[in-house]
Amino acid sequence: MKTWNDYKKHVKTVDPETAKNMEEVEGISAIVSAMVAQRTAMGLSQRELAAMCGIPQSSVARIESCKTTPNLSTLLNIFQHLGLNLTVTASK
């Protein structure tokens, strides 16, 4: 295996449970990455975003560092203030 993607592909084919866990983590990571990228692009600090959303700055920090997973209403609140949409699609 030459790359991280090669390794992930290998693990996903060998262990279905690990594959499921990896896909879940990758999904959460994509959501958080989009949130951070948009906040940064808008020139907002965590404190400013938190004030806009009516939540503590520490909550934004924990979400962005993946130390907690926000509930859906919190996520939608943050996304609304960042001008982002959450799209749900059927699994493959």
C-alpha atoms as a PDB file:
ATOM      1  CA  MET A   1       0.000   0.000   0.000  1.00  0.00           C
ATOM      2  CA  LYS A   2       1.387   3.315  -1.072  1.00  0.00           C
ATOM      3  CA  THR A   3      -1.069   5.900   0.175  1.00  0.00           C
ATOM      4  CA  TRP A   4      -3.525   6.516   2.986  1.00  0.00           C
ATOM      5  CA  ASN A   5      -6.380   6.056   0.499  1.00  0.00           C
ATOM      6  CA  ASP A   6      -4.951   2.672  -0.538  1.00  0.00           C
ATOM      7  CA  TYR A   7      -4.844   1.640   3.121  1.00  0.00           C
ATOM      8  CA  LYS A   8      -8.405   2.847   3.788  1.00  0.00           C
ATOM      9  CA  LYS A   9      -9.671   0.954   0.734  1.00  0.00           C
ATOM     10  CA  HIS A  10      -7.894  -2.203   1.923  1.00  0.00           C
ATOM     11  CA  VAL A  11      -9.259  -1.955   5.464  1.00  0.00           C
ATOM     12  CA  LYS A  12     -12.786  -1.292   4.185  1.00  0.00           C
ATOM     13  CA  THR A  13     -12.686  -4.453   2.062  1.00  0.00           C
ATOM     14  CA  VAL A  14     -11.292  -6.605   4.887  1.00  0.00           C
ATOM     15  CA  ASP A  15     -13.443  -5.466   7.816  1.00  0.00           C
ATOM     16  CA  PRO A  16     -17.039  -4.308   7.187  1.00  0.00           C
ATOM     17  CA  GLU A  17     -17.472  -2.981  10.747  1.00  0.00           C
ATOM     18  CA  THR A  18     -14.352  -0.861  10.496  1.00  0.00           C
ATOM     19  CA  ALA A  19     -15.476   0.276   7.045  1.00  0.00           C
ATOM     20  CA  LYS A  20     -18.753   1.490   8.542  1.00  0.00           C
ATOM     21  CA  ASN A  21     -16.926   3.348  11.328  1.00  0.00           C
ATOM     22  CA  MET A  22     -14.475   4.920   8.886  1.00  0.00           C
ATOM     23  CA  GLU A  23     -17.278   6.136   6.643  1.00  0.00           C
ATOM     24  CA  GLU A  24     -19.068   7.683   9.616  1.00  0.00           C
ATOM     25  CA  VAL A  25     -15.915   9.501  10.711  1.00  0.00           C
ATOM     26  CA  GLU A  26     -15.254  10.669   7.153  1.00  0.00           C
ATOM     27  CA  GLY A  27     -18.806  12.028   6.934  1.00  0.00           C
ATOM     28  CA  ILE A  28     -18.500  13.942  10.206  1.00  0.00           C
ATOM     29  CA  SER A  29     -15.099  15.241   9.140  1.00  0.00           C
ATOM     30  CA  ALA A  30     -16.522  16.532   5.848  1.00  0.00           C
ATOM     31  CA  ILE A  31     -19.300  18.401   7.681  1.00  0.00           C
ATOM     32  CA  VAL A  32     -16.918  19.965  10.193  1.00  0.00           C
ATOM     33  CA  SER A  33     -14.397  20.855   7.479  1.00  0.00           C
ATOM     34  CA  ALA A  34     -17.090  22.652   5.473  1.00  0.00           C
ATOM     35  CA  MET A  35     -18.153  24.536   8.584  1.00  0.00           C
ATOM     36  CA  VAL A  36     -14.605  25.661   9.430  1.00  0.00           C
ATOM     37  CA  ALA A  37     -13.815  26.580   5.819  1.00  0.00           C
ATOM     38  CA  GLN A  38     -16.945  28.715   5.505  1.00  0.00           C
ATOM     39  CA  ARG A  39     -16.429  30.410   8.870  1.00  0.00           C
ATOM     40  CA  THR A  40     -12.862  31.247   7.890  1.00  0.00           C
ATOM     41  CA  ALA A  41     -13.882  32.439   4.421  1.00  0.00           C
ATOM     42  CA  MET A  42     -16.425  34.762   6.036  1.00  0.00           C
ATOM     43  CA  GLY A  43     -13.708  36.153   8.305  1.00  0.00           C
ATOM     44  CA  LEU A  44     -15.527  35.091  11.467  1.00  0.00           C
ATOM     45  CA  SER A  45     -13.897  34.008  14.691  1.00  0.00           C
ATOM     46  CA  GLN A  46     -15.356  31.148  16.696  1.00  0.00           C
ATOM     47  CA  ARG A  47     -16.564  33.728  19.217  1.00  0.00           C
ATOM     48  CA  GLU A  48     -18.352  35.760  16.536  1.00  0.00           C
ATOM     49  CA  LEU A  49     -20.040  32.684  15.065  1.00  0.00           C
ATOM     50  CA  ALA A  50     -21.092  31.530  18.509  1.00  0.00           C
ATOM     51  CA  ALA A  51     -22.637  34.939  19.268  1.00  0.00           C
ATOM     52  CA  MET A  52     -24.562  34.870  15.989  1.00  0.00           C
ATOM     53  CA  CYS A  53     -25.889  31.398  16.826  1.00  0.00           C
ATOM     54  CA  GLY A  54     -26.605  32.065  20.497  1.00  0.00           C
ATOM     55  CA  ILE A  55     -24.308  29.296  21.708  1.00  0.00           C
ATOM     56  CA  PRO A  56     -21.093  29.349  23.777  1.00  0.00           C
ATOM     57  CA  GLN A  57     -17.793  29.782  21.924  1.00  0.00           C
ATOM     58  CA  SER A  58     -16.593  26.632  23.659  1.00  0.00           C
ATOM     59  CA  SER A  59     -19.326  24.674  21.850  1.00  0.00           C
ATOM     60  CA  VAL A  60     -18.068  25.892  18.484  1.00  0.00           C
ATOM     61  CA  ALA A  61     -14.513  24.962  19.483  1.00  0.00           C
ATOM     62  CA  ARG A  62     -15.531  21.453  20.597  1.00  0.00           C
ATOM     63  CA  ILE A  63     -17.474  20.882  17.369  1.00  0.00           C
ATOM     64  CA  GLU A  64     -14.605  22.137  15.202  1.00  0.00           C
ATOM     65  CA  SER A  65     -12.087  19.933  17.016  1.00  0.00           C
ATOM     66  CA  CYS A  66     -14.444  16.924  16.754  1.00  0.00           C
ATOM     67  CA  LYS A  67     -14.532  16.580  20.534  1.00  0.00           C
ATOM     68  CA  THR A  68     -18.327  16.574  20.363  1.00  0.00           C
ATOM     69  CA  THR A  69     -20.965  15.912  17.754  1.00  0.00           C
ATOM     70  CA  PRO A  70     -23.644  18.602  17.706  1.00  0.00           C
ATOM     71  CA  ASN A  71     -27.309  17.724  17.736  1.00  0.00           C
ATOM     72  CA  LEU A  72     -29.170  18.402  14.510  1.00  0.00           C
ATOM     73  CA  SER A  73     -30.775  21.659  15.643  1.00  0.00           C
ATOM     74  CA  THR A  74     -27.384  23.103  16.658  1.00  0.00           C
ATOM     75  CA  LEU A  75     -25.810  22.015  13.377  1.00  0.00           C
ATOM     76  CA  LEU A  76     -28.647  23.539  11.346  1.00  0.00           C
ATOM     77  CA  ASN A  77     -28.421  26.758  13.373  1.00  0.00           C
ATOM     78  CA  ILE A  78     -24.692  27.043  12.655  1.00  0.00           C
ATOM     79  CA  PHE A  79     -25.147  26.175   8.982  1.00  0.00           C
ATOM     80  CA  GLN A  80     -27.923  28.755   8.605  1.00  0.00           C
ATOM     81  CA  HIS A  81     -25.667  31.499   9.958  1.00  0.00           C
ATOM     82  CA  LEU A  82     -22.836  30.361   7.688  1.00  0.00           C
ATOM     83  CA  GLY A  83     -25.066  30.219   4.611  1.00  0.00           C
ATOM     84  CA  LEU A  84     -24.574  26.473   4.253  1.00  0.00           C
ATOM     85  CA  ASN A  85     -27.129  23.781   3.429  1.00  0.00           C
ATOM     86  CA  LEU A  86     -27.194  20.249   4.752  1.00  0.00           C
ATOM     87  CA  THR A  87     -28.071  17.729   2.052  1.00  0.00           C
ATOM     88  CA  VAL A  88     -29.229  14.202   2.814  1.00  0.00           C
ATOM     89  CA  THR A  89     -28.958  11.439   0.224  1.00  0.00           C
ATOM     90  CA  ALA A  90     -29.718   7.748   0.246  1.00  0.00           C
ATOM     91  CA  SER A  91     -26.809   5.405   0.944  1.00  0.00           C
ATOM     92  CA  LYS A  92     -25.310   3.499  -1.885  1.00  0.00           C
END
